[in-house]
C-alpha atoms as a PDB file:
ATOM      1  CA  MET A   1      10.231  -3.901  -5.566  1.00  0.00           C
ATOM      2  CA  GLN A   2      12.194  -3.537  -1.897  1.00  0.00           C
ATOM      3  CA  ILE A   3      11.763  -0.033  -1.838  1.00  0.00           C
ATOM      4  CA  ALA A   4       7.844  -0.414  -2.540  1.00  0.00           C
ATOM      5  CA  LEU A   5       7.880  -3.370   0.314  1.00  0.00           C
ATOM      6  CA  ARG A   6      10.104  -1.093   2.603  1.00  0.00           C
ATOM      7  CA  TRP A   7       7.526   2.045   1.957  1.00  0.00           C
ATOM      8  CA  ILE A   8       4.477  -0.160   2.780  1.00  0.00           C
ATOM      9  CA  TYR A   9       5.974  -1.756   6.112  1.00  0.00           C
ATOM     10  CA  GLN A  10       6.988   2.085   7.098  1.00  0.00           C
ATOM     11  CA  GLN A  11       3.462   3.031   6.759  1.00  0.00           C
ATOM     12  CA  GLY A  12       2.608   0.425   9.194  1.00  0.00           C
ATOM     13  CA  ALA A  13       1.018  -2.115   6.893  1.00  0.00           C
ATOM     14  CA  ILE A  14       1.942  -5.305   6.330  1.00  0.00           C
ATOM     15  CA  PRO A  15       3.253  -6.307   2.753  1.00  0.00           C
ATOM     16  CA  ILE A  16       1.891  -9.672   1.331  1.00  0.00           C
ATOM     17  CA  VAL A  17       4.503 -11.230  -1.371  1.00  0.00           C
ATOM     18  CA  LYS A  18       3.999 -14.220  -3.399  1.00  0.00           C
ATOM     19  CA  SER A  19       7.305 -15.958  -4.304  1.00  0.00           C
ATOM     20  CA  PHE A  20       8.589 -19.298  -4.754  1.00  0.00           C
ATOM     21  CA  ASN A  21      12.123 -17.828  -5.711  1.00  0.00           C
ATOM     22  CA  LYS A  22      14.599 -18.385  -3.400  1.00  0.00           C
ATOM     23  CA  GLU A  23      16.429 -15.453  -4.023  1.00  0.00           C
ATOM     24  CA  ARG A  24      13.500 -13.324  -4.364  1.00  0.00           C
ATOM     25  CA  MET A  25      12.289 -14.185  -0.936  1.00  0.00           C
ATOM     26  CA  LYS A  26      15.620 -13.620   0.587  1.00  0.00           C
ATOM     27  CA  GLN A  27      15.753 -10.078  -0.971  1.00  0.00           C
ATOM     28  CA  ASN A  28      12.344  -9.700   0.350  1.00  0.00           C
ATOM     29  CA  ILE A  29      13.376 -10.334   3.998  1.00  0.00           C
ATOM     30  CA  GLU A  30      16.230  -7.995   3.896  1.00  0.00           C
ATOM     31  CA  ILE A  31      13.687  -5.167   4.020  1.00  0.00           C
ATOM     32  CA  PHE A  32      13.951  -5.116   7.919  1.00  0.00           C
ATOM     33  CA  ASP A  33      17.769  -4.407   7.488  1.00  0.00           C
ATOM     34  CA  TRP A  34      17.334  -0.639   6.634  1.00  0.00           C
ATOM     35  CA  GLU A  35      14.639   2.248   6.415  1.00  0.00           C
ATOM     36  CA  LEU A  36      13.861   4.941   4.120  1.00  0.00           C
ATOM     37  CA  ASN A  37      14.947   8.561   5.477  1.00  0.00           C
ATOM     38  CA  GLN A  38      12.496  11.160   5.796  1.00  0.00           C
ATOM     39  CA  GLU A  39      13.515  12.580   2.353  1.00  0.00           C
ATOM     40  CA  GLU A  40      12.873   9.386   0.576  1.00  0.00           C
ATOM     41  CA  LEU A  41       9.732   8.994   2.366  1.00  0.00           C
ATOM     42  CA  ASP A  42       8.878  12.690   1.091  1.00  0.00           C
ATOM     43  CA  LYS A  43       9.457  12.064  -2.298  1.00  0.00           C
ATOM     44  CA  ILE A  44       7.578   9.283  -2.554  1.00  0.00           C
ATOM     45  CA  SER A  45       4.541  10.939  -1.157  1.00  0.00           C
ATOM     46  CA  GLN A  46       4.641  13.186  -3.796  1.00  0.00           C
ATOM     47  CA  ILE A  47       4.220  10.284  -6.549  1.00  0.00           C
ATOM     48  CA  HIS A  48       0.772  10.661  -7.944  1.00  0.00           C
ATOM     49  CA  GLN A  49      -1.666   7.919  -6.525  1.00  0.00           C
ATOM     50  CA  SER A  50      -5.017   6.677  -8.316  1.00  0.00           C
ATOM     51  CA  ARG A  51      -7.066   3.598  -7.649  1.00  0.00           C
ATOM     52  CA  PHE A  52      -7.755   1.384 -10.252  1.00  0.00           C
ATOM     53  CA  GLN A  53     -11.465   0.871  -9.082  1.00  0.00           C
ATOM     54  CA  LYS A  54     -13.818   3.018  -7.439  1.00  0.00           C
ATOM     55  CA  ALA A  55     -15.120  -0.453  -5.708  1.00  0.00           C
ATOM     56  CA  GLU A  56     -18.696   0.733  -6.249  1.00  0.00           C
ATOM     57  CA  MET A  57     -19.857  -2.861  -5.750  1.00  0.00           C
ATOM     58  CA  PHE A  58     -19.043  -2.293  -2.042  1.00  0.00           C
ATOM     59  CA  VAL A  59     -21.250   0.613  -1.158  1.00  0.00           C
ATOM     60  CA  SER A  60     -25.023  -0.005  -0.689  1.00  0.00           C
ATOM     61  CA  ASP A  61     -27.951   2.007   1.311  1.00  0.00           C
ATOM     62  CA  ASN A  62     -28.186  -1.287   3.164  1.00  0.00           C
ATOM     63  CA  GLY A  63     -24.636  -1.787   3.885  1.00  0.00           C
ATOM     64  CA  PRO A  64     -21.904  -0.373   5.927  1.00  0.00           C
ATOM     65  CA  TYR A  65     -20.450   2.164   3.246  1.00  0.00           C
ATOM     66  CA  LYS A  66     -23.350   4.157   2.014  1.00  0.00           C
ATOM     67  CA  THR A  67     -21.283   6.285  -0.283  1.00  0.00           C
ATOM     68  CA  LEU A  68     -17.587   6.158  -1.929  1.00  0.00           C
ATOM     69  CA  GLU A  69     -16.343   8.760   0.140  1.00  0.00           C
ATOM     70  CA  GLU A  70     -17.104   6.688   3.245  1.00  0.00           C
ATOM     71  CA  LEU A  71     -15.685   3.540   1.654  1.00  0.00           C
ATOM     72  CA  TRP A  72     -12.512   5.642   0.622  1.00  0.00           C
ATOM     73  CA  ASP A  73     -12.393   8.237   3.599  1.00  0.00           C
ATOM     74  CA  GLY A  74     -13.151  10.792   1.528  1.00  0.00           C
ATOM     75  CA  ASP A  75     -10.325  10.449  -0.970  1.00  0.00           C
ATOM     76  CA  VAL A  76     -12.070   9.402  -4.131  1.00  0.00           C
END
């Protein structure tokens, strides 16, 4: 889990975690004590990613996103 959290953080996003387990909360804070190197980042980027849902409910002729390509920046 910490590798995924660290990867998210290094991408410039802020991971939001939910835990009431003190040990897990401590482990989650420890992602700031190290970083993934470029080789590790490259390996992670090779993992196939897909979206669970296309989110078609957010697309509308009257809304800010007219097509799925606009919503997902061309990566559908």
